[in-house]
Amino acid sequence: RHFETQADEVGNFEIEGLDLPPGVLTLEVEAKGYPLTWHSVAWDVYRPSKRKRLYMMEEDLVYESALSVAEVKRQSRRGIIVGGAEETFFEKGNKCAVVTLLDANGVSIDSSYGPYPLSGERPKEGKMCLTQEKPGFGFYNLPNGQYLMTWQDTAGKVLRTHVVYVGSDRVSVVVN
């Protein structure tokens, strides 16, 4: 279903006149200076708030991060996932959150896709640790399709999971 809306100066927008069952919506967002993005948003008709806020990353920053940190060039007809761990992941003494990505068959994706930090240096070896100071990550040049993203603490306890859709020449955004 197609609809258009305008965001305010800090990125808040409202969805009006949408009568859908509870679930997850994938929103495609176009904005000048930003890549075409897909955002997965929880939708619940039983909760009255229809006001949402989306995280957006300027187009230059997305591709600069891919080149300078991940050292990969953008490939056409491939997708990107950028995201970040929210502060609640680091409560109760957790110093690190690890994000992993599985393909539609449940197989871990090749580490050449990521995750990579959005800034700074890429990890030398092992899994990338997201911290409160550096919560952002990116996966680059992913084949189109559906993926399962898991967020875990260092003990392996799953903190959250998401189904993420990746499309040609789009940036899928996952902030959790």
Protein backbone atom coordinates (compact mmCIF):
# COMPACT_ATOMS: atom_id res chain seq x y z
CA ARG A 1 0.00 0.00 0.00
CA HIS A 2 1.35 3.46 -0.86
CA PHE A 3 1.01 6.61 1.18
CA GLU A 4 2.94 9.82 1.58
CA THR A 5 3.62 11.91 4.65
CA GLN A 6 5.99 14.66 5.73
CA ALA A 7 8.38 14.53 8.67
CA ASP A 8 8.98 17.44 11.02
CA GLU A 9 12.41 19.02 11.59
CA VAL A 10 13.60 16.17 13.86
CA GLY A 11 12.26 13.31 11.74
CA ASN A 12 8.92 12.59 13.47
CA PHE A 13 5.96 11.76 11.29
CA GLU A 14 2.48 10.36 11.72
CA ILE A 15 0.71 7.62 9.83
CA GLU A 16 -2.97 8.43 9.51
CA GLY A 17 -5.79 6.35 8.09
CA LEU A 18 -3.89 3.07 8.18
CA ASP A 19 -5.95 0.14 9.41
CA LEU A 20 -3.67 -2.89 9.44
CA PRO A 21 -3.33 -5.87 11.80
CA PRO A 22 -0.45 -5.87 14.32
CA GLY A 23 2.94 -6.72 12.86
CA VAL A 24 5.94 -5.13 11.26
CA LEU A 25 5.68 -2.65 8.41
CA THR A 26 8.53 -2.01 6.02
CA LEU A 27 8.56 1.64 5.06
CA GLU A 28 10.46 2.95 2.05
CA VAL A 29 11.70 6.49 2.61
CA GLU A 30 12.94 8.98 0.03
CA ALA A 31 14.53 12.22 1.17
CA LYS A 32 16.94 14.61 -0.54
CA GLY A 33 20.54 13.98 0.56
CA TYR A 34 19.73 10.54 1.97
CA PRO A 35 19.87 7.12 0.32
CA LEU A 36 16.63 5.35 -0.50
CA THR A 37 15.96 3.50 2.76
CA TRP A 38 13.83 0.71 4.12
CA HIS A 39 12.78 0.86 7.76
CA SER A 40 11.06 -1.97 9.60
CA VAL A 41 8.61 -0.47 12.08
CA ALA A 42 6.50 -2.28 14.66
CA TRP A 43 2.80 -1.60 14.12
CA ASP A 44 0.12 -2.26 16.71
CA VAL A 45 -3.44 -1.04 16.23
CA TYR A 46 -4.10 -1.60 19.93
CA ARG A 47 -1.62 1.07 20.97
CA PRO A 48 -2.94 4.52 20.18
CA SER A 49 0.38 6.15 19.20
CA LYS A 50 0.86 6.26 15.48
CA ARG A 51 3.74 8.71 15.74
CA LYS A 52 7.04 7.24 14.59
CA ARG A 53 10.62 8.46 14.35
CA LEU A 54 13.11 7.01 11.90
CA TYR A 55 16.88 7.09 12.05
CA MET A 56 18.34 8.49 8.83
CA MET A 57 21.99 8.58 7.80
CA GLU A 58 23.14 10.99 5.09
CA GLU A 59 24.01 9.35 1.79
CA ASP A 60 27.63 10.59 1.79
CA LEU A 61 28.20 9.13 5.27
CA VAL A 62 26.85 5.70 4.30
CA TYR A 63 29.14 5.37 1.30
CA GLU A 64 32.11 7.06 3.01
CA SER A 65 31.85 4.52 5.83
CA ALA A 66 31.82 1.67 3.32
CA LEU A 67 34.98 2.96 1.65
CA SER A 68 37.00 4.18 4.62
CA VAL A 69 36.14 1.60 7.30
CA ALA A 70 34.97 -1.52 5.46
CA GLU A 71 37.18 -0.78 2.45
CA VAL A 72 34.49 -1.87 0.01
CA LYS A 73 33.14 -0.08 -3.05
CA ARG A 74 29.42 0.14 -3.59
CA GLN A 75 28.14 -2.53 -5.96
CA SER A 76 25.03 -1.84 -8.00
CA ARG A 77 22.00 -4.05 -7.48
CA ARG A 78 23.19 -4.86 -3.95
CA GLY A 79 21.92 -3.58 -0.61
CA ILE A 80 23.28 -2.19 2.62
CA ILE A 81 22.17 -2.55 6.23
CA VAL A 82 23.14 0.15 8.71
CA GLY A 83 22.10 0.09 12.32
CA GLY A 84 22.85 0.73 15.92
CA ALA A 85 22.39 -0.76 19.36
CA GLU A 86 20.22 1.25 21.73
CA GLU A 87 21.31 2.11 25.27
CA THR A 88 19.15 -0.61 26.87
CA PHE A 89 21.51 -3.26 25.46
CA PHE A 90 24.20 -1.99 27.81
CA GLU A 91 22.17 -2.03 31.02
CA LYS A 92 22.82 -4.57 33.76
CA GLY A 93 26.58 -4.49 33.19
CA ASN A 94 26.61 -5.52 29.50
CA LYS A 95 29.63 -3.84 27.95
CA CYS A 96 29.22 -5.34 24.50
CA ALA A 97 26.52 -6.38 22.05
CA VAL A 98 27.27 -8.57 19.06
CA VAL A 99 25.16 -8.47 15.91
CA THR A 100 25.05 -11.40 13.49
CA LEU A 101 23.23 -11.89 10.22
CA LEU A 102 21.82 -15.13 8.82
CA ASP A 103 20.50 -15.63 5.31
CA ALA A 104 17.02 -16.98 4.58
CA ASN A 105 18.34 -20.55 4.97
CA GLY A 106 19.71 -19.85 8.47
CA VAL A 107 23.34 -19.77 7.33
CA SER A 108 25.67 -17.08 8.68
CA ILE A 109 26.63 -14.63 5.98
CA ASP A 110 30.24 -14.35 4.91
CA SER A 111 32.22 -11.93 7.10
CA SER A 112 33.28 -9.93 4.03
CA TYR A 113 29.79 -8.35 4.12
CA GLY A 114 30.19 -7.19 7.74
CA PRO A 115 29.43 -6.15 10.30
CA TYR A 116 31.80 -3.21 10.17
CA PRO A 117 31.81 -0.21 12.50
CA LEU A 118 30.40 2.98 10.97
CA SER A 119 33.50 4.88 12.04
CA GLY A 120 36.97 4.19 13.39
CA GLU A 121 38.93 1.06 12.61
CA ARG A 122 37.54 -2.28 11.53
CA PRO A 123 38.05 -5.17 13.97
CA LYS A 124 41.27 -7.12 13.45
CA GLU A 125 39.70 -10.52 14.08
CA GLY A 126 36.69 -12.07 15.75
CA LYS A 127 33.23 -10.57 16.10
CA MET A 128 32.68 -6.86 16.25
CA CYS A 129 31.67 -5.61 19.68
CA LEU A 130 29.10 -2.80 19.74
CA THR A 131 29.52 -0.53 22.75
CA GLN A 132 27.61 2.37 24.21
CA GLU A 133 30.27 4.69 22.77
CA LYS A 134 30.33 3.01 19.34
CA PRO A 135 26.92 1.39 18.77
CA GLY A 136 26.77 1.70 14.96
CA PHE A 137 27.46 -0.95 12.32
CA GLY A 138 27.07 -1.66 8.62
CA PHE A 139 26.77 -4.65 6.28
CA TYR A 140 27.67 -3.81 2.67
CA ASN A 141 26.89 -5.18 -0.81
CA LEU A 142 24.43 -7.81 0.40
CA PRO A 143 22.46 -9.82 -2.15
CA ASN A 144 18.77 -8.92 -2.20
CA GLY A 145 16.59 -10.95 0.11
CA GLN A 146 15.43 -11.59 3.62
CA TYR A 147 17.83 -11.95 6.55
CA LEU A 148 17.59 -12.71 10.26
CA MET A 149 19.59 -10.36 12.47
CA THR A 150 20.37 -11.34 16.04
CA TRP A 151 21.70 -9.18 18.84
CA GLN A 152 23.52 -11.04 21.63
CA ASP A 153 25.48 -10.22 24.75
CA THR A 154 29.00 -11.60 25.22
CA ALA A 155 27.62 -14.69 27.00
CA GLY A 156 25.57 -15.54 23.88
CA LYS A 157 22.19 -14.56 25.33
CA VAL A 158 19.93 -13.29 22.56
CA LEU A 159 18.82 -9.76 23.33
CA ARG A 160 16.67 -9.27 20.24
CA THR A 161 16.05 -10.59 16.72
CA HIS A 162 14.79 -8.95 13.55
CA VAL A 163 13.83 -9.96 10.06
CA VAL A 164 15.54 -7.48 7.73
CA TYR A 165 14.75 -7.02 4.05
CA VAL A 166 17.53 -5.99 1.69
CA GLY A 167 16.77 -4.58 -1.74
CA SER A 168 18.72 -3.36 -4.75
CA ASP A 169 20.40 0.00 -4.21
CA ARG A 170 18.67 0.54 -0.87
CA VAL A 171 19.83 1.02 2.67
CA SER A 172 17.91 -0.98 5.27
CA VAL A 173 18.02 0.71 8.68
CA VAL A 174 17.82 -1.24 11.93
CA VAL A 175 18.13 0.68 15.19
CA ASN A 176 17.39 -1.30 18.29
